[in-house]
PDB file of N, CA and C in Angstrom:
ATOM      1  N   MET A   1      64.421 -26.585  32.935  1.00  0.00           N
ATOM      2  CA  MET A   1      64.948 -25.284  33.286  1.00  0.00           C
ATOM      3  C   MET A   1      64.540 -24.219  32.238  1.00  0.00           C
ATOM      4  N   LYS A   2      64.568 -24.634  30.949  1.00  0.00           N
ATOM      5  CA  LYS A   2      64.208 -23.724  29.870  1.00  0.00           C
ATOM      6  C   LYS A   2      62.751 -23.322  29.989  1.00  0.00           C
ATOM      7  N   HIS A   3      61.871 -24.237  30.336  1.00  0.00           N
ATOM      8  CA  HIS A   3      60.447 -23.950  30.489  1.00  0.00           C
ATOM      9  C   HIS A   3      60.210 -23.020  31.701  1.00  0.00           C
ATOM     10  N   PHE A   4      61.034 -23.191  32.716  1.00  0.00           N
ATOM     11  CA  PHE A   4      60.870 -22.386  33.949  1.00  0.00           C
ATOM     12  C   PHE A   4      61.193 -20.905  33.597  1.00  0.00           C
ATOM     13  N   LYS A   5      62.272 -20.681  32.833  1.00  0.00           N
ATOM     14  CA  LYS A   5      62.625 -19.316  32.426  1.00  0.00           C
ATOM     15  C   LYS A   5      61.511 -18.702  31.560  1.00  0.00           C
ATOM     16  N   SER A   6      60.988 -19.477  30.657  1.00  0.00           N
ATOM     17  CA  SER A   6      59.877 -18.976  29.793  1.00  0.00           C
ATOM     18  C   SER A   6      58.676 -18.655  30.597  1.00  0.00           C
ATOM     19  N   LEU A   7      58.349 -19.485  31.542  1.00  0.00           N
ATOM     20  CA  LEU A   7      57.195 -19.262  32.410  1.00  0.00           C
ATOM     21  C   LEU A   7      57.414 -18.031  33.255  1.00  0.00           C
ATOM     22  N   THR A   8      58.609 -17.883  33.792  1.00  0.00           N
ATOM     23  CA  THR A   8      58.919 -16.715  34.601  1.00  0.00           C
ATOM     24  C   THR A   8      58.796 -15.435  33.785  1.00  0.00           C
ATOM     25  N   MET A   9      59.323 -15.460  32.566  1.00  0.00           N
ATOM     26  CA  MET A   9      59.221 -14.266  31.704  1.00  0.00           C
ATOM     27  C   MET A   9      57.757 -13.954  31.377  1.00  0.00           C
ATOM     28  N   LEU A  10      56.960 -14.971  31.156  1.00  0.00           N
ATOM     29  CA  LEU A  10      55.542 -14.759  30.845  1.00  0.00           C
ATOM     30  C   LEU A  10      54.838 -14.132  32.045  1.00  0.00           C
ATOM     31  N   VAL A  11      55.099 -14.639  33.240  1.00  0.00           N
ATOM     32  CA  VAL A  11      54.511 -14.105  34.444  1.00  0.00           C
ATOM     33  C   VAL A  11      54.908 -12.654  34.668  1.00  0.00           C
ATOM     34  N   LEU A  12      56.171 -12.347  34.479  1.00  0.00           N
ATOM     35  CA  LEU A  12      56.652 -10.967  34.633  1.00  0.00           C
ATOM     36  C   LEU A  12      56.004 -10.076  33.584  1.00  0.00           C
ATOM     37  N   ALA A  13      55.857 -10.537  32.370  1.00  0.00           N
ATOM     38  CA  ALA A  13      55.227  -9.714  31.337  1.00  0.00           C
ATOM     39  C   ALA A  13      53.775  -9.452  31.648  1.00  0.00           C
ATOM     40  N   LEU A  14      53.048 -10.464  32.172  1.00  0.00           N
ATOM     41  CA  LEU A  14      51.664 -10.270  32.534  1.00  0.00           C
ATOM     42  C   LEU A  14      51.536  -9.314  33.719  1.00  0.00           C
ATOM     43  N   MET A  15      52.444  -9.409  34.685  1.00  0.00           N
ATOM     44  CA  MET A  15      52.430  -8.492  35.815  1.00  0.00           C
ATOM     45  C   MET A  15      52.653  -7.040  35.377  1.00  0.00           C
ATOM     46  N   LEU A  16      53.594  -6.859  34.467  1.00  0.00           N
ATOM     47  CA  LEU A  16      53.884  -5.545  33.928  1.00  0.00           C
ATOM     48  C   LEU A  16      52.686  -5.000  33.136  1.00  0.00           C
ATOM     49  N   LEU A  17      52.067  -5.824  32.365  1.00  0.00           N
ATOM     50  CA  LEU A  17      50.878  -5.400  31.571  1.00  0.00           C
ATOM     51  C   LEU A  17      49.757  -4.991  32.566  1.00  0.00           C
ATOM     52  N   GLU A  18      49.543  -5.739  33.585  1.00  0.00           N
ATOM     53  CA  GLU A  18      48.496  -5.418  34.549  1.00  0.00           C
ATOM     54  C   GLU A  18      48.797  -4.113  35.256  1.00  0.00           C
ATOM     55  N   ARG A  19      50.070  -3.851  35.552  1.00  0.00           N
ATOM     56  CA  ARG A  19      50.469  -2.623  36.204  1.00  0.00           C
ATOM     57  C   ARG A  19      50.198  -1.422  35.287  1.00  0.00           C
ATOM     58  N   VAL A  20      50.532  -1.557  34.029  1.00  0.00           N
ATOM     59  CA  VAL A  20      50.288  -0.498  33.030  1.00  0.00           C
ATOM     60  C   VAL A  20      48.775  -0.201  32.917  1.00  0.00           C
ATOM     61  N   ARG A  21      48.024  -1.271  32.854  1.00  0.00           N
ATOM     62  CA  ARG A  21      46.542  -1.080  32.757  1.00  0.00           C
ATOM     63  C   ARG A  21      45.994  -0.370  33.973  1.00  0.00           C
ATOM     64  N   SER A  22      46.477  -0.718  35.160  1.00  0.00           N
ATOM     65  CA  SER A  22      45.978  -0.041  36.373  1.00  0.00           C
ATOM     66  C   SER A  22      46.369   1.423  36.418  1.00  0.00           C
ATOM     67  N   LEU A  23      47.559   1.771  35.925  1.00  0.00           N
ATOM     68  CA  LEU A  23      47.989   3.134  35.841  1.00  0.00           C
ATOM     69  C   LEU A  23      47.136   3.929  34.842  1.00  0.00           C
ATOM     70  N   GLU A  24      46.811   3.307  33.723  1.00  0.00           N
ATOM     71  CA  GLU A  24      45.980   3.983  32.732  1.00  0.00           C
ATOM     72  C   GLU A  24      44.589   4.273  33.308  1.00  0.00           C
ATOM     73  N   GLU A  25      44.067   3.378  34.086  1.00  0.00           N
ATOM     74  CA  GLU A  25      42.710   3.579  34.675  1.00  0.00           C
ATOM     75  C   GLU A  25      42.743   4.684  35.719  1.00  0.00           C
ATOM     76  N   GLN A  26      43.882   4.932  36.343  1.00  0.00           N
ATOM     77  CA  GLN A  26      43.997   5.934  37.402  1.00  0.00           C
ATOM     78  C   GLN A  26      44.148   7.341  36.810  1.00  0.00           C
ATOM     79  N   GLN A  27      44.555   7.461  35.576  1.00  0.00           N
ATOM     80  CA  GLN A  27      44.786   8.783  35.009  1.00  0.00           C
ATOM     81  C   GLN A  27      43.471   9.512  34.813  1.00  0.00           C
ATOM     82  N   VAL A  28      43.553  10.834  35.188  1.00  0.00           N
ATOM     83  CA  VAL A  28      42.370  11.668  35.047  1.00  0.00           C
ATOM     84  C   VAL A  28      42.280  12.158  33.594  1.00  0.00           C
ATOM     85  N   PRO A  29      41.121  12.046  32.979  1.00  0.00           N
ATOM     86  CA  PRO A  29      40.997  12.517  31.618  1.00  0.00           C
ATOM     87  C   PRO A  29      41.163  14.046  31.527  1.00  0.00           C
ATOM     88  N   ILE A  30      41.797  14.490  30.475  1.00  0.00           N
ATOM     89  CA  ILE A  30      41.997  15.894  30.266  1.00  0.00           C
ATOM     90  C   ILE A  30      40.707  16.563  29.829  1.00  0.00           C
ATOM     91  N   PRO A  31      40.227  17.564  30.595  1.00  0.00           N
ATOM     92  CA  PRO A  31      38.966  18.172  30.206  1.00  0.00           C
ATOM     93  C   PRO A  31      39.083  18.940  28.886  1.00  0.00           C
ATOM     94  N   THR A  32      38.011  18.964  28.161  1.00  0.00           N
ATOM     95  CA  THR A  32      37.996  19.665  26.889  1.00  0.00           C
ATOM     96  C   THR A  32      36.932  20.760  26.902  1.00  0.00           C
ATOM     97  N   CYS A  33      37.046  21.693  26.026  1.00  0.00           N
ATOM     98  CA  CYS A  33      36.083  22.768  25.919  1.00  0.00           C
ATOM     99  C   CYS A  33      34.895  22.308  25.100  1.00  0.00           C
ATOM    100  N   ALA A  34      33.703  22.390  25.670  1.00  0.00           N
ATOM    101  CA  ALA A  34      32.493  21.966  24.989  1.00  0.00           C
ATOM    102  C   ALA A  34      31.934  23.060  24.116  1.00  0.00           C
ATOM    103  N   SER A  35      32.459  24.272  24.224  1.00  0.00           N
ATOM    104  CA  SER A  35      31.980  25.400  23.468  1.00  0.00           C
ATOM    105  C   SER A  35      32.798  25.632  22.198  1.00  0.00           C
ATOM    106  N   THR A  36      32.194  26.272  21.221  1.00  0.00           N
ATOM    107  CA  THR A  36      32.989  26.678  20.066  1.00  0.00           C
ATOM    108  C   THR A  36      33.777  27.920  20.477  1.00  0.00           C
ATOM    109  N   PHE A  37      34.765  28.264  19.697  1.00  0.00           N
ATOM    110  CA  PHE A  37      35.577  29.458  19.944  1.00  0.00           C
ATOM    111  C   PHE A  37      34.684  30.664  20.077  1.00  0.00           C
ATOM    112  N   PHE A  38      33.730  30.834  19.135  1.00  0.00           N
ATOM    113  CA  PHE A  38      32.862  31.999  19.108  1.00  0.00           C
ATOM    114  C   PHE A  38      31.954  32.038  20.314  1.00  0.00           C
ATOM    115  N   SER A  39      31.329  30.895  20.678  1.00  0.00           N
ATOM    116  CA  SER A  39      30.418  30.910  21.822  1.00  0.00           C
ATOM    117  C   SER A  39      31.171  31.156  23.126  1.00  0.00           C
ATOM    118  N   ALA A  40      32.372  30.661  23.242  1.00  0.00           N
ATOM    119  CA  ALA A  40      33.208  30.923  24.430  1.00  0.00           C
ATOM    120  C   ALA A  40      33.544  32.404  24.509  1.00  0.00           C
ATOM    121  N   LEU A  41      33.836  32.981  23.371  1.00  0.00           N
ATOM    122  CA  LEU A  41      34.149  34.417  23.315  1.00  0.00           C
ATOM    123  C   LEU A  41      32.935  35.248  23.763  1.00  0.00           C
ATOM    124  N   ILE A  42      31.762  34.882  23.251  1.00  0.00           N
ATOM    125  CA  ILE A  42      30.517  35.558  23.616  1.00  0.00           C
ATOM    126  C   ILE A  42      30.284  35.494  25.128  1.00  0.00           C
ATOM    127  N   GLN A  43      30.561  34.317  25.700  1.00  0.00           N
ATOM    128  CA  GLN A  43      30.310  34.108  27.138  1.00  0.00           C
ATOM    129  C   GLN A  43      31.194  35.030  27.971  1.00  0.00           C
ATOM    130  N   LEU A  44      32.334  35.377  27.462  1.00  0.00           N
ATOM    131  CA  LEU A  44      33.232  36.252  28.235  1.00  0.00           C
ATOM    132  C   LEU A  44      33.134  37.749  27.930  1.00  0.00           C
ATOM    133  N   ILE A  45      32.027  38.136  27.282  1.00  0.00           N
ATOM    134  CA  ILE A  45      31.827  39.562  27.012  1.00  0.00           C
ATOM    135  C   ILE A  45      31.842  40.396  28.302  1.00  0.00           C
ATOM    136  N   PRO A  46      31.297  39.883  29.414  1.00  0.00           N
ATOM    137  CA  PRO A  46      31.376  40.717  30.646  1.00  0.00           C
ATOM    138  C   PRO A  46      32.819  41.026  31.104  1.00  0.00           C
ATOM    139  N   CYS A  47      33.761  40.339  30.549  1.00  0.00           N
ATOM    140  CA  CYS A  47      35.205  40.515  30.922  1.00  0.00           C
ATOM    141  C   CYS A  47      35.905  41.512  30.013  1.00  0.00           C
ATOM    142  N   ARG A  48      35.218  42.043  29.054  1.00  0.00           N
ATOM    143  CA  ARG A  48      35.848  42.864  28.018  1.00  0.00           C
ATOM    144  C   ARG A  48      36.691  44.013  28.596  1.00  0.00           C
ATOM    145  N   ALA A  49      36.145  44.718  29.577  1.00  0.00           N
ATOM    146  CA  ALA A  49      36.880  45.856  30.121  1.00  0.00           C
ATOM    147  C   ALA A  49      38.133  45.415  30.901  1.00  0.00           C
ATOM    148  N   ALA A  50      38.042  44.230  31.516  1.00  0.00           N
ATOM    149  CA  ALA A  50      39.165  43.726  32.322  1.00  0.00           C
ATOM    150  C   ALA A  50      40.326  43.156  31.505  1.00  0.00           C
ATOM    151  N   VAL A  51      40.064  42.881  30.241  1.00  0.00           N
ATOM    152  CA  VAL A  51      41.122  42.308  29.391  1.00  0.00           C
ATOM    153  C   VAL A  51      41.543  43.249  28.266  1.00  0.00           C
ATOM    154  N   ALA A  52      41.024  44.477  28.304  1.00  0.00           N
ATOM    155  CA  ALA A  52      41.439  45.470  27.329  1.00  0.00           C
ATOM    156  C   ALA A  52      42.905  45.846  27.564  1.00  0.00           C
ATOM    157  N   PRO A  53      43.660  46.094  26.511  1.00  0.00           N
ATOM    158  CA  PRO A  53      45.062  46.460  26.685  1.00  0.00           C
ATOM    159  C   PRO A  53      45.207  47.668  27.590  1.00  0.00           C
ATOM    160  N   PHE A  54      46.156  47.575  28.492  1.00  0.00           N
ATOM    161  CA  PHE A  54      46.474  48.661  29.453  1.00  0.00           C
ATOM    162  C   PHE A  54      45.311  48.975  30.392  1.00  0.00           C
ATOM    163  N   SER A  55      44.452  48.017  30.624  1.00  0.00           N
ATOM    164  CA  SER A  55      43.261  48.227  31.459  1.00  0.00           C
ATOM    165  C   SER A  55      43.604  48.082  32.959  1.00  0.00           C
ATOM    166  N   PRO A  56      43.322  49.141  33.755  1.00  0.00           N
ATOM    167  CA  PRO A  56      43.487  48.999  35.216  1.00  0.00           C
ATOM    168  C   PRO A  56      42.246  48.502  35.898  1.00  0.00           C
ATOM    169  N   ILE A  57      41.209  48.209  35.114  1.00  0.00           N
ATOM    170  CA  ILE A  57      39.904  47.816  35.687  1.00  0.00           C
ATOM    171  C   ILE A  57      39.916  46.328  36.104  1.00  0.00           C
ATOM    172  N   PRO A  58      39.610  46.059  37.379  1.00  0.00           N
ATOM    173  CA  PRO A  58      39.560  44.653  37.802  1.00  0.00           C
ATOM    174  C   PRO A  58      38.306  43.973  37.217  1.00  0.00           C
ATOM    175  N   PRO A  59      38.332  42.671  37.112  1.00  0.00           N
ATOM    176  CA  PRO A  59      37.148  41.981  36.563  1.00  0.00           C
ATOM    177  C   PRO A  59      35.946  42.135  37.500  1.00  0.00           C
ATOM    178  N   SER A  60      34.796  42.287  36.869  1.00  0.00           N
ATOM    179  CA  SER A  60      33.564  42.456  37.660  1.00  0.00           C
ATOM    180  C   SER A  60      33.101  41.095  38.157  1.00  0.00           C
ATOM    181  N   GLU A  61      32.091  41.129  39.027  1.00  0.00           N
ATOM    182  CA  GLU A  61      31.528  39.864  39.530  1.00  0.00           C
ATOM    183  C   GLU A  61      30.895  39.065  38.377  1.00  0.00           C
ATOM    184  N   ALA A  62      30.244  39.788  37.427  1.00  0.00           N
ATOM    185  CA  ALA A  62      29.675  39.104  36.270  1.00  0.00           C
ATOM    186  C   ALA A  62      30.737  38.464  35.416  1.00  0.00           C
ATOM    187  N   CYS A  63      31.885  39.119  35.280  1.00  0.00           N
ATOM    188  CA  CYS A  63      32.997  38.558  34.537  1.00  0.00           C
ATOM    189  C   CYS A  63      33.499  37.286  35.194  1.00  0.00           C
ATOM    190  N   CYS A  64      33.695  37.341  36.514  1.00  0.00           N
ATOM    191  CA  CYS A  64      34.217  36.170  37.239  1.00  0.00           C
ATOM    192  C   CYS A  64      33.236  34.995  37.157  1.00  0.00           C
ATOM    193  N   ASN A  65      31.949  35.324  37.299  1.00  0.00           N
ATOM    194  CA  ASN A  65      30.954  34.242  37.192  1.00  0.00           C
ATOM    195  C   ASN A  65      30.974  33.621  35.820  1.00  0.00           C
ATOM    196  N   SER A  66      31.104  34.446  34.773  1.00  0.00           N
ATOM    197  CA  SER A  66      31.161  33.931  33.413  1.00  0.00           C
ATOM    198  C   SER A  66      32.421  33.089  33.186  1.00  0.00           C
ATOM    199  N   LEU A  67      33.521  33.568  33.725  1.00  0.00           N
ATOM    200  CA  LEU A  67      34.792  32.816  33.564  1.00  0.00           C
ATOM    201  C   LEU A  67      34.697  31.454  34.255  1.00  0.00           C
ATOM    202  N   LYS A  68      34.168  31.431  35.475  1.00  0.00           N
ATOM    203  CA  LYS A  68      34.070  30.165  36.189  1.00  0.00           C
ATOM    204  C   LYS A  68      33.119  29.217  35.505  1.00  0.00           C
ATOM    205  N   ALA A  69      32.014  29.752  34.939  1.00  0.00           N
ATOM    206  CA  ALA A  69      31.081  28.913  34.179  1.00  0.00           C
ATOM    207  C   ALA A  69      31.704  28.364  32.933  1.00  0.00           C
ATOM    208  N   LEU A  70      32.506  29.184  32.261  1.00  0.00           N
ATOM    209  CA  LEU A  70      33.165  28.767  31.008  1.00  0.00           C
ATOM    210  C   LEU A  70      34.164  27.689  31.285  1.00  0.00           C
ATOM    211  N   GLY A  71      35.014  27.851  32.285  1.00  0.00           N
ATOM    212  CA  GLY A  71      36.004  26.838  32.621  1.00  0.00           C
ATOM    213  C   GLY A  71      37.356  27.068  32.016  1.00  0.00           C
ATOM    214  N   GLN A  72      38.330  26.415  32.586  1.00  0.00           N
ATOM    215  CA  GLN A  72      39.701  26.574  32.181  1.00  0.00           C
ATOM    216  C   GLN A  72      39.985  26.077  30.749  1.00  0.00           C
ATOM    217  N   PRO A  73      39.465  24.940  30.329  1.00  0.00           N
ATOM    218  CA  PRO A  73      39.774  24.493  28.948  1.00  0.00           C
ATOM    219  C   PRO A  73      39.325  25.491  27.895  1.00  0.00           C
ATOM    220  N   CYS A  74      38.144  26.104  28.099  1.00  0.00           N
ATOM    221  CA  CYS A  74      37.676  27.080  27.090  1.00  0.00           C
ATOM    222  C   CYS A  74      38.475  28.370  27.120  1.00  0.00           C
ATOM    223  N   LEU A  75      38.882  28.799  28.345  1.00  0.00           N
ATOM    224  CA  LEU A  75      39.719  29.987  28.412  1.00  0.00           C
ATOM    225  C   LEU A  75      41.026  29.731  27.665  1.00  0.00           C
ATOM    226  N   CYS A  76      41.588  28.550  27.816  1.00  0.00           N
ATOM    227  CA  CYS A  76      42.839  28.230  27.115  1.00  0.00           C
ATOM    228  C   CYS A  76      42.630  28.194  25.599  1.00  0.00           C
ATOM    229  N   VAL A  77      41.476  27.716  25.162  1.00  0.00           N
ATOM    230  CA  VAL A  77      41.149  27.718  23.734  1.00  0.00           C
ATOM    231  C   VAL A  77      41.139  29.168  23.209  1.00  0.00           C
ATOM    232  N   LEU A  78      40.498  30.062  23.962  1.00  0.00           N
ATOM    233  CA  LEU A  78      40.456  31.477  23.565  1.00  0.00           C
ATOM    234  C   LEU A  78      41.845  32.106  23.536  1.00  0.00           C
ATOM    235  N   VAL A  79      42.609  31.836  24.575  1.00  0.00           N
ATOM    236  CA  VAL A  79      43.933  32.461  24.668  1.00  0.00           C
ATOM    237  C   VAL A  79      44.855  31.954  23.577  1.00  0.00           C
ATOM    238  N   ASN A  80      44.707  30.691  23.164  1.00  0.00           N
ATOM    239  CA  ASN A  80      45.535  30.106  22.129  1.00  0.00           C
ATOM    240  C   ASN A  80      44.961  30.220  20.743  1.00  0.00           C
ATOM    241  N   GLY A  81      43.769  30.805  20.642  1.00  0.00           N
ATOM    242  CA  GLY A  81      43.136  30.950  19.333  1.00  0.00           C
ATOM    243  C   GLY A  81      43.662  32.157  18.575  1.00  0.00           C
ATOM    244  N   PRO A  82      42.936  32.517  17.537  1.00  0.00           N
ATOM    245  CA  PRO A  82      43.374  33.680  16.729  1.00  0.00           C
ATOM    246  C   PRO A  82      43.322  34.948  17.560  1.00  0.00           C
ATOM    247  N   PRO A  83      44.132  35.956  17.176  1.00  0.00           N
ATOM    248  CA  PRO A  83      44.111  37.224  17.925  1.00  0.00           C
ATOM    249  C   PRO A  83      42.685  37.814  17.974  1.00  0.00           C
ATOM    250  N   ILE A  84      42.351  38.391  19.103  1.00  0.00           N
ATOM    251  CA  ILE A  84      41.039  38.988  19.294  1.00  0.00           C
ATOM    252  C   ILE A  84      41.252  40.488  19.490  1.00  0.00           C
ATOM    253  N   SER A  85      40.692  41.280  18.594  1.00  0.00           N
ATOM    254  CA  SER A  85      40.870  42.736  18.655  1.00  0.00           C
ATOM    255  C   SER A  85      40.371  43.266  20.031  1.00  0.00           C
ATOM    256  N   GLY A  86      41.235  44.081  20.665  1.00  0.00           N
ATOM    257  CA  GLY A  86      40.859  44.698  21.943  1.00  0.00           C
ATOM    258  C   GLY A  86      41.059  43.806  23.132  1.00  0.00           C
ATOM    259  N   VAL A  87      41.703  42.652  22.948  1.00  0.00           N
ATOM    260  CA  VAL A  87      41.936  41.727  24.065  1.00  0.00           C
ATOM    261  C   VAL A  87      43.412  41.520  24.245  1.00  0.00           C
ATOM    262  N   ASP A  88      43.913  41.784  25.449  1.00  0.00           N
ATOM    263  CA  ASP A  88      45.304  41.520  25.799  1.00  0.00           C
ATOM    264  C   ASP A  88      45.353  40.081  26.352  1.00  0.00           C
ATOM    265  N   ARG A  89      46.060  39.209  25.685  1.00  0.00           N
ATOM    266  CA  ARG A  89      46.100  37.787  26.101  1.00  0.00           C
ATOM    267  C   ARG A  89      46.681  37.636  27.493  1.00  0.00           C
ATOM    268  N   ASN A  90      47.648  38.432  27.835  1.00  0.00           N
ATOM    269  CA  ASN A  90      48.223  38.358  29.172  1.00  0.00           C
ATOM    270  C   ASN A  90      47.218  38.736  30.239  1.00  0.00           C
ATOM    271  N   MET A  91      46.393  39.724  29.968  1.00  0.00           N
ATOM    272  CA  MET A  91      45.362  40.128  30.902  1.00  0.00           C
ATOM    273  C   MET A  91      44.326  38.965  30.990  1.00  0.00           C
ATOM    274  N   ALA A  92      44.011  38.360  29.913  1.00  0.00           N
ATOM    275  CA  ALA A  92      43.062  37.226  29.937  1.00  0.00           C
ATOM    276  C   ALA A  92      43.623  36.076  30.754  1.00  0.00           C
ATOM    277  N   LEU A  93      44.894  35.833  30.663  1.00  0.00           N
ATOM    278  CA  LEU A  93      45.534  34.754  31.453  1.00  0.00           C
ATOM    279  C   LEU A  93      45.527  35.060  32.944  1.00  0.00           C
ATOM    280  N   GLN A  94      45.394  36.319  33.302  1.00  0.00           N
ATOM    281  CA  GLN A  94      45.379  36.685  34.722  1.00  0.00           C
ATOM    282  C   GLN A  94      43.977  36.623  35.313  1.00  0.00           C
ATOM    283  N   LEU A  95      42.960  36.478  34.500  1.00  0.00           N
ATOM    284  CA  LEU A  95      41.580  36.428  35.003  1.00  0.00           C
ATOM    285  C   LEU A  95      41.358  35.361  36.071  1.00  0.00           C
ATOM    286  N   PRO A  96      41.799  34.124  35.871  1.00  0.00           N
ATOM    287  CA  PRO A  96      41.522  33.136  36.915  1.00  0.00           C
ATOM    288  C   PRO A  96      42.078  33.505  38.298  1.00  0.00           C
ATOM    289  N   GLU A  97      43.259  34.096  38.347  1.00  0.00           N
ATOM    290  CA  GLU A  97      43.810  34.501  39.619  1.00  0.00           C
ATOM    291  C   GLU A  97      42.995  35.654  40.206  1.00  0.00           C
ATOM    292  N   LYS A  98      42.670  36.650  39.371  1.00  0.00           N
ATOM    293  CA  LYS A  98      41.916  37.826  39.817  1.00  0.00           C
ATOM    294  C   LYS A  98      40.519  37.450  40.277  1.00  0.00           C
ATOM    295  N   CYS A  99      39.973  36.407  39.663  1.00  0.00           N
ATOM    296  CA  CYS A  99      38.604  35.955  39.988  1.00  0.00           C
ATOM    297  C   CYS A  99      38.597  34.829  41.006  1.00  0.00           C
ATOM    298  N   THR A 100      39.756  34.511  41.554  1.00  0.00           N
ATOM    299  CA  THR A 100      39.932  33.384  42.495  1.00  0.00           C
ATOM    300  C   THR A 100      39.297  32.077  41.963  1.00  0.00           C
ATOM    301  N   ALA A 101      39.496  31.859  40.674  1.00  0.00           N
ATOM    302  CA  ALA A 101      39.054  30.595  40.040  1.00  0.00           C
ATOM    303  C   ALA A 101      40.202  29.613  40.186  1.00  0.00           C
ATOM    304  N   ASN A 102      39.946  28.448  40.629  1.00  0.00           N
ATOM    305  CA  ASN A 102      41.004  27.471  40.852  1.00  0.00           C
ATOM    306  C   ASN A 102      41.300  26.737  39.551  1.00  0.00           C
ATOM    307  N   PHE A 103      41.882  27.448  38.571  1.00  0.00           N
ATOM    308  CA  PHE A 103      42.200  26.881  37.286  1.00  0.00           C
ATOM    309  C   PHE A 103      43.704  26.538  37.224  1.00  0.00           C
ATOM    310  N   GLU A 104      44.024  25.515  36.497  1.00  0.00           N
ATOM    311  CA  GLU A 104      45.408  25.233  36.143  1.00  0.00           C
ATOM    312  C   GLU A 104      45.831  26.257  35.124  1.00  0.00           C
ATOM    313  N   PRO A 105      47.086  26.644  35.077  1.00  0.00           N
ATOM    314  CA  PRO A 105      47.549  27.554  34.038  1.00  0.00           C
ATOM    315  C   PRO A 105      47.399  27.000  32.646  1.00  0.00           C
ATOM    316  N   CYS A 106      47.139  27.879  31.715  1.00  0.00           N
ATOM    317  CA  CYS A 106      46.997  27.447  30.299  1.00  0.00           C
ATOM    318  C   CYS A 106      48.408  27.260  29.713  1.00  0.00           C
ATOM    319  N   ASP A 107      48.575  26.273  28.875  1.00  0.00           N
ATOM    320  CA  ASP A 107      49.756  26.111  28.096  1.00  0.00           C
ATOM    321  C   ASP A 107      49.580  27.003  26.870  1.00  0.00           C
ATOM    322  N   THR A 108      50.358  28.071  26.779  1.00  0.00           N
ATOM    323  CA  THR A 108      50.206  28.990  25.681  1.00  0.00           C
ATOM    324  C   THR A 108      51.075  28.589  24.508  1.00  0.00           C
ATOM    325  N   MET A 109      50.481  28.783  23.331  1.00  0.00           N
ATOM    326  CA  MET A 109      51.208  28.410  22.086  1.00  0.00           C
ATOM    327  C   MET A 109      51.834  29.651  21.426  1.00  0.00           C
ATOM    328  N   ASN A 110      51.468  30.801  21.897  1.00  0.00           N
ATOM    329  CA  ASN A 110      51.976  32.048  21.240  1.00  0.00           C
ATOM    330  C   ASN A 110      52.910  32.764  22.153  1.00  0.00           C
TER     331      ASN A 110
END
């Protein structure tokens, strides 16, 4: 009887371990920004007018194309990075919606 309980516990532990491994394999890796902060900033120069403080100017097609090429992870790096003179972070966070880019919202640290 004692061996049966030990064997049952071992089987349950192995089943649990296999379940955890299968869940880990199913998880989608979190994308990262392949650009440096500076190169990501340069890539979004076409968006400068659309992210200026108090700017009523909508993003241009060039801005939206640059934003989509840059990607959500790099936008989040820029938004959470050091302050950028002449850039309203809230306006930058609105770019994906205004450009109809299907980005997940950035987790902001500031």
